[in-house]
C-alpha atoms as a PDB file:
ATOM      1  CA  UNK A   1      30.932 -65.517  -9.083  1.00  0.00           C
ATOM      2  CA  UNK A   2      31.720 -65.158  -5.382  1.00  0.00           C
ATOM      3  CA  UNK A   3      29.534 -62.891  -3.299  1.00  0.00           C
ATOM      4  CA  UNK A   4      31.401 -59.982  -1.741  1.00  0.00           C
ATOM      5  CA  UNK A   5      30.305 -57.583   0.959  1.00  0.00           C
ATOM      6  CA  UNK A   6      29.848 -54.886  -1.678  1.00  0.00           C
ATOM      7  CA  UNK A   7      27.344 -57.054  -3.577  1.00  0.00           C
ATOM      8  CA  UNK A   8      25.097 -57.811  -0.620  1.00  0.00           C
ATOM      9  CA  UNK A   9      21.920 -55.782  -0.126  1.00  0.00           C
ATOM     10  CA  UNK A  10      22.373 -53.323   2.758  1.00  0.00           C
ATOM     11  CA  UNK A  11      19.740 -55.049   4.920  1.00  0.00           C
ATOM     12  CA  UNK A  12      21.515 -58.398   4.618  1.00  0.00           C
ATOM     13  CA  UNK A  13      24.860 -56.748   5.234  1.00  0.00           C
ATOM     14  CA  UNK A  14      23.568 -55.126   8.444  1.00  0.00           C
ATOM     15  CA  UNK A  15      22.379 -58.523   9.650  1.00  0.00           C
ATOM     16  CA  UNK A  16      25.597 -60.458   9.044  1.00  0.00           C
ATOM     17  CA  UNK A  17      28.233 -57.732   9.366  1.00  0.00           C
ATOM     18  CA  UNK A  18      26.787 -54.644  11.071  1.00  0.00           C
ATOM     19  CA  UNK A  19      30.214 -53.069  11.485  1.00  0.00           C
ATOM     20  CA  UNK A  20      30.675 -52.956   7.704  1.00  0.00           C
ATOM     21  CA  UNK A  21      27.789 -50.488   7.440  1.00  0.00           C
ATOM     22  CA  UNK A  22      29.013 -48.204  10.222  1.00  0.00           C
ATOM     23  CA  UNK A  23      30.411 -44.738   9.535  1.00  0.00           C
ATOM     24  CA  UNK A  24      33.663 -45.936  11.113  1.00  0.00           C
ATOM     25  CA  UNK A  25      33.849 -49.613  10.100  1.00  0.00           C
ATOM     26  CA  UNK A  26      37.317 -50.331  11.527  1.00  0.00           C
ATOM     27  CA  UNK A  27      36.394 -48.803  14.874  1.00  0.00           C
ATOM     28  CA  UNK A  28      33.132 -50.767  14.814  1.00  0.00           C
ATOM     29  CA  UNK A  29      34.934 -54.053  14.149  1.00  0.00           C
ATOM     30  CA  UNK A  30      37.503 -53.296  16.862  1.00  0.00           C
ATOM     31  CA  UNK A  31      34.860 -52.380  19.416  1.00  0.00           C
ATOM     32  CA  UNK A  32      32.718 -55.414  18.675  1.00  0.00           C
ATOM     33  CA  UNK A  33      35.764 -57.669  19.015  1.00  0.00           C
ATOM     34  CA  UNK A  34      36.622 -56.027  22.341  1.00  0.00           C
ATOM     35  CA  UNK A  35      33.025 -56.388  23.524  1.00  0.00           C
ATOM     36  CA  UNK A  36      33.182 -60.123  22.804  1.00  0.00           C
ATOM     37  CA  UNK A  37      36.426 -60.396  24.782  1.00  0.00           C
ATOM     38  CA  UNK A  38      34.874 -58.498  27.682  1.00  0.00           C
ATOM     39  CA  UNK A  39      31.985 -60.961  27.754  1.00  0.00           C
ATOM     40  CA  UNK A  40      34.467 -63.866  27.869  1.00  0.00           C
ATOM     41  CA  UNK A  41      36.383 -62.272  30.759  1.00  0.00           C
ATOM     42  CA  UNK A  42      33.137 -61.619  32.640  1.00  0.00           C
ATOM     43  CA  UNK A  43      32.080 -65.247  32.218  1.00  0.00           C
ATOM     44  CA  UNK A  44      35.487 -66.566  33.299  1.00  0.00           C
ATOM     45  CA  UNK A  45      35.432 -64.312  36.377  1.00  0.00           C
ATOM     46  CA  UNK A  46      31.939 -65.518  37.292  1.00  0.00           C
ATOM     47  CA  UNK A  47      32.826 -69.177  36.784  1.00  0.00           C
ATOM     48  CA  UNK A  48      36.052 -68.847  38.734  1.00  0.00           C
ATOM     49  CA  UNK A  49      34.224 -67.039  41.529  1.00  0.00           C
ATOM     50  CA  UNK A  50      31.756 -69.928  41.833  1.00  0.00           C
ATOM     51  CA  UNK A  51      34.631 -72.413  41.959  1.00  0.00           C
ATOM     52  CA  UNK A  52      36.303 -70.423  44.754  1.00  0.00           C
ATOM     53  CA  UNK A  53      33.289 -69.460  46.861  1.00  0.00           C
ATOM     54  CA  UNK A  54      33.768 -68.772  50.558  1.00  0.00           C
ATOM     55  CA  UNK A  55      37.455 -67.875  50.090  1.00  0.00           C
ATOM     56  CA  UNK A  56      39.347 -64.598  49.882  1.00  0.00           C
ATOM     57  CA  UNK A  57      39.939 -65.346  46.201  1.00  0.00           C
ATOM     58  CA  UNK A  58      36.216 -65.918  45.683  1.00  0.00           C
ATOM     59  CA  UNK A  59      35.444 -62.536  47.250  1.00  0.00           C
ATOM     60  CA  UNK A  60      38.043 -60.811  45.046  1.00  0.00           C
ATOM     61  CA  UNK A  61      36.662 -62.559  41.961  1.00  0.00           C
ATOM     62  CA  UNK A  62      33.125 -61.505  42.852  1.00  0.00           C
ATOM     63  CA  UNK A  63      34.245 -57.861  43.034  1.00  0.00           C
ATOM     64  CA  UNK A  64      36.169 -58.156  39.762  1.00  0.00           C
ATOM     65  CA  UNK A  65      33.308 -59.959  37.967  1.00  0.00           C
ATOM     66  CA  UNK A  66      30.919 -57.197  39.050  1.00  0.00           C
ATOM     67  CA  UNK A  67      33.368 -54.519  37.890  1.00  0.00           C
ATOM     68  CA  UNK A  68      33.869 -56.248  34.527  1.00  0.00           C
ATOM     69  CA  UNK A  69      30.085 -56.433  34.054  1.00  0.00           C
ATOM     70  CA  UNK A  70      29.856 -52.693  34.831  1.00  0.00           C
ATOM     71  CA  UNK A  71      32.674 -51.989  32.365  1.00  0.00           C
ATOM     72  CA  UNK A  72      30.778 -53.890  29.672  1.00  0.00           C
ATOM     73  CA  UNK A  73      27.709 -51.722  30.286  1.00  0.00           C
ATOM     74  CA  UNK A  74      29.898 -48.595  30.061  1.00  0.00           C
ATOM     75  CA  UNK A  75      31.488 -49.913  26.875  1.00  0.00           C
ATOM     76  CA  UNK A  76      28.106 -50.692  25.271  1.00  0.00           C
ATOM     77  CA  UNK A  77      26.933 -47.195  26.217  1.00  0.00           C
ATOM     78  CA  UNK A  78      29.983 -45.709  24.487  1.00  0.00           C
ATOM     79  CA  UNK A  79      29.274 -47.812  21.385  1.00  0.00           C
ATOM     80  CA  UNK A  80      25.677 -46.647  21.306  1.00  0.00           C
ATOM     81  CA  UNK A  81      26.583 -42.985  21.829  1.00  0.00           C
ATOM     82  CA  UNK A  82      29.018 -42.917  18.897  1.00  0.00           C
ATOM     83  CA  UNK A  83      26.695 -44.903  16.639  1.00  0.00           C
ATOM     84  CA  UNK A  84      28.588 -48.191  16.536  1.00  0.00           C
ATOM     85  CA  UNK A  85      26.176 -51.027  15.757  1.00  0.00           C
ATOM     86  CA  UNK A  86      26.455 -53.969  18.100  1.00  0.00           C
ATOM     87  CA  UNK A  87      27.143 -57.340  16.504  1.00  0.00           C
ATOM     88  CA  UNK A  88      25.157 -59.670  18.762  1.00  0.00           C
ATOM     89  CA  UNK A  89      26.733 -62.759  17.209  1.00  0.00           C
ATOM     90  CA  UNK A  90      30.283 -62.026  18.430  1.00  0.00           C
ATOM     91  CA  UNK A  91      29.540 -62.099  22.187  1.00  0.00           C
ATOM     92  CA  UNK A  92      27.416 -65.234  21.759  1.00  0.00           C
ATOM     93  CA  UNK A  93      30.170 -66.970  19.792  1.00  0.00           C
ATOM     94  CA  UNK A  94      32.752 -65.816  22.333  1.00  0.00           C
ATOM     95  CA  UNK A  95      30.683 -67.273  25.196  1.00  0.00           C
ATOM     96  CA  UNK A  96      30.301 -70.528  23.290  1.00  0.00           C
ATOM     97  CA  UNK A  97      34.059 -70.645  22.751  1.00  0.00           C
ATOM     98  CA  UNK A  98      34.662 -69.997  26.458  1.00  0.00           C
ATOM     99  CA  UNK A  99      32.325 -72.850  27.392  1.00  0.00           C
ATOM    100  CA  UNK A 100      33.944 -75.150  24.858  1.00  0.00           C
ATOM    101  CA  UNK A 101      37.319 -74.229  26.347  1.00  0.00           C
ATOM    102  CA  UNK A 102      36.187 -75.718  29.660  1.00  0.00           C
ATOM    103  CA  UNK A 103      36.545 -79.157  28.105  1.00  0.00           C
ATOM    104  CA  UNK A 104      40.340 -78.896  27.961  1.00  0.00           C
ATOM    105  CA  UNK A 105      42.436 -81.125  30.175  1.00  0.00           C
ATOM    106  CA  UNK A 106      43.330 -79.613  33.538  1.00  0.00           C
ATOM    107  CA  UNK A 107      45.257 -82.447  35.172  1.00  0.00           C
ATOM    108  CA  UNK A 108      42.188 -83.940  36.853  1.00  0.00           C
ATOM    109  CA  UNK A 109      39.678 -86.262  35.281  1.00  0.00           C
ATOM    110  CA  UNK A 110      36.854 -84.451  37.025  1.00  0.00           C
ATOM    111  CA  UNK A 111      36.548 -81.196  38.839  1.00  0.00           C
ATOM    112  CA  UNK A 112      38.613 -78.127  39.491  1.00  0.00           C
ATOM    113  CA  UNK A 113      42.390 -78.356  39.667  1.00  0.00           C
ATOM    114  CA  UNK A 114      45.176 -75.964  40.692  1.00  0.00           C
ATOM    115  CA  UNK A 115      45.870 -75.567  36.968  1.00  0.00           C
ATOM    116  CA  UNK A 116      42.239 -74.542  36.368  1.00  0.00           C
ATOM    117  CA  UNK A 117      42.524 -71.811  39.006  1.00  0.00           C
ATOM    118  CA  UNK A 118      45.828 -70.555  37.620  1.00  0.00           C
ATOM    119  CA  UNK A 119      44.671 -70.513  34.000  1.00  0.00           C
ATOM    120  CA  UNK A 120      41.484 -68.647  34.868  1.00  0.00           C
ATOM    121  CA  UNK A 121      43.425 -66.049  36.848  1.00  0.00           C
ATOM    122  CA  UNK A 122      46.054 -65.846  34.105  1.00  0.00           C
ATOM    123  CA  UNK A 123      43.380 -65.130  31.491  1.00  0.00           C
ATOM    124  CA  UNK A 124      41.750 -62.533  33.737  1.00  0.00           C
ATOM    125  CA  UNK A 125      45.006 -60.731  34.553  1.00  0.00           C
ATOM    126  CA  UNK A 126      45.918 -60.610  30.855  1.00  0.00           C
ATOM    127  CA  UNK A 127      42.394 -59.526  29.939  1.00  0.00           C
ATOM    128  CA  UNK A 128      42.415 -56.704  32.454  1.00  0.00           C
ATOM    129  CA  UNK A 129      45.793 -55.527  31.108  1.00  0.00           C
ATOM    130  CA  UNK A 130      44.212 -55.566  27.649  1.00  0.00           C
ATOM    131  CA  UNK A 131      41.343 -53.473  28.998  1.00  0.00           C
ATOM    132  CA  UNK A 132      43.813 -50.770  30.070  1.00  0.00           C
ATOM    133  CA  UNK A 133      45.110 -50.706  26.493  1.00  0.00           C
ATOM    134  CA  UNK A 134      41.544 -50.668  25.157  1.00  0.00           C
ATOM    135  CA  UNK A 135      40.586 -47.576  27.186  1.00  0.00           C
ATOM    136  CA  UNK A 136      43.828 -45.855  26.125  1.00  0.00           C
ATOM    137  CA  UNK A 137      43.219 -46.729  22.463  1.00  0.00           C
ATOM    138  CA  UNK A 138      39.665 -45.411  22.544  1.00  0.00           C
ATOM    139  CA  UNK A 139      40.690 -42.236  24.344  1.00  0.00           C
ATOM    140  CA  UNK A 140      43.811 -41.481  22.299  1.00  0.00           C
ATOM    141  CA  UNK A 141      43.725 -43.263  18.946  1.00  0.00           C
ATOM    142  CA  UNK A 142      39.984 -43.189  18.290  1.00  0.00           C
ATOM    143  CA  UNK A 143      39.726 -39.676  19.701  1.00  0.00           C
ATOM    144  CA  UNK A 144      36.880 -40.577  22.030  1.00  0.00           C
ATOM    145  CA  UNK A 145      38.420 -38.616  24.888  1.00  0.00           C
ATOM    146  CA  UNK A 146      37.639 -35.450  22.916  1.00  0.00           C
ATOM    147  CA  UNK A 147      34.376 -36.699  21.386  1.00  0.00           C
ATOM    148  CA  UNK A 148      32.975 -37.879  24.731  1.00  0.00           C
ATOM    149  CA  UNK A 149      34.439 -35.477  27.288  1.00  0.00           C
ATOM    150  CA  UNK A 150      32.037 -36.695  29.983  1.00  0.00           C
ATOM    151  CA  UNK A 151      33.603 -40.191  29.873  1.00  0.00           C
ATOM    152  CA  UNK A 152      36.531 -40.277  32.287  1.00  0.00           C
ATOM    153  CA  UNK A 153      38.889 -42.640  30.495  1.00  0.00           C
ATOM    154  CA  UNK A 154      41.536 -41.990  33.137  1.00  0.00           C
ATOM    155  CA  UNK A 155      39.153 -43.307  35.787  1.00  0.00           C
ATOM    156  CA  UNK A 156      38.335 -46.360  33.650  1.00  0.00           C
ATOM    157  CA  UNK A 157      42.073 -47.047  33.296  1.00  0.00           C
ATOM    158  CA  UNK A 158      42.617 -46.707  37.048  1.00  0.00           C
ATOM    159  CA  UNK A 159      39.631 -48.957  37.682  1.00  0.00           C
ATOM    160  CA  UNK A 160      41.201 -51.648  35.485  1.00  0.00           C
ATOM    161  CA  UNK A 161      44.518 -51.280  37.335  1.00  0.00           C
ATOM    162  CA  UNK A 162      42.588 -51.770  40.583  1.00  0.00           C
ATOM    163  CA  UNK A 163      40.956 -54.940  39.268  1.00  0.00           C
ATOM    164  CA  UNK A 164      44.334 -56.353  38.323  1.00  0.00           C
ATOM    165  CA  UNK A 165      45.829 -55.376  41.681  1.00  0.00           C
ATOM    166  CA  UNK A 166      43.070 -57.332  43.434  1.00  0.00           C
ATOM    167  CA  UNK A 167      43.905 -60.497  41.475  1.00  0.00           C
ATOM    168  CA  UNK A 168      47.702 -60.358  41.245  1.00  0.00           C
ATOM    169  CA  UNK A 169      48.504 -61.905  44.662  1.00  0.00           C
ATOM    170  CA  UNK A 170      46.104 -64.777  43.996  1.00  0.00           C
ATOM    171  CA  UNK A 171      47.475 -65.183  40.462  1.00  0.00           C
ATOM    172  CA  UNK A 172      51.035 -65.470  41.785  1.00  0.00           C
ATOM    173  CA  UNK A 173      50.015 -67.939  44.482  1.00  0.00           C
ATOM    174  CA  UNK A 174      47.993 -70.050  42.026  1.00  0.00           C
ATOM    175  CA  UNK A 175      50.889 -70.014  39.553  1.00  0.00           C
ATOM    176  CA  UNK A 176      53.319 -71.295  42.151  1.00  0.00           C
ATOM    177  CA  UNK A 177      50.858 -73.969  43.278  1.00  0.00           C
ATOM    178  CA  UNK A 178      50.013 -75.136  39.753  1.00  0.00           C
ATOM    179  CA  UNK A 179      53.422 -74.895  38.156  1.00  0.00           C
ATOM    180  CA  UNK A 180      55.419 -76.202  41.057  1.00  0.00           C
ATOM    181  CA  UNK A 181      57.601 -73.378  42.405  1.00  0.00           C
ATOM    182  CA  UNK A 182      56.182 -73.877  45.909  1.00  0.00           C
ATOM    183  CA  UNK A 183      56.813 -77.616  45.807  1.00  0.00           C
ATOM    184  CA  UNK A 184      60.376 -77.684  44.405  1.00  0.00           C
ATOM    185  CA  UNK A 185      63.569 -76.620  46.134  1.00  0.00           C
ATOM    186  CA  UNK A 186      65.614 -73.929  44.394  1.00  0.00           C
ATOM    187  CA  UNK A 187      68.281 -76.555  43.610  1.00  0.00           C
ATOM    188  CA  UNK A 188      65.797 -78.286  41.288  1.00  0.00           C
ATOM    189  CA  UNK A 189      66.180 -75.348  38.895  1.00  0.00           C
ATOM    190  CA  UNK A 190      69.968 -75.398  38.687  1.00  0.00           C
ATOM    191  CA  UNK A 191      72.103 -77.641  36.569  1.00  0.00           C
ATOM    192  CA  UNK A 192      74.608 -79.953  38.181  1.00  0.00           C
ATOM    193  CA  UNK A 193      76.782 -80.005  35.062  1.00  0.00           C
END
């Protein structure tokens, strides 16, 4: 007979699936998944910053990485205040996945490539857009705006918009450099037929 979550002793269940024992299990699962994603974005921002040190992009990435780390602390505080148990395995697995993802081909046998820069910025820009949605979901759909009136979700949303605004010019430039728009004449994109 297969073991189900309902058959596990509560202590074992808390160890392997803490969200399942929460008062709001779906919210707990959602928040733990989002925490893991935040950790991945923080690590990508830090790695990208190191690869772009002593540049304007590196400075922007340093500011964004610091802001993402602060957002994670805020997020963990929110989880703790509403009684959501933290699943420590998810962020660790997410970080391992991010590090494994570094092994993918980037167009160079060794080192950093224009594609590496673009993909890192692409992931960060998408992640920050997701963070806007996250704050809106927590405020509106989970009702945390009313439950935690001292948390300024509007400010958190604006902060995320600011992070994205800092990266967008570099993202566009890296995209053109990696994907070729800067190197090809406009006629290369039109058909001669």
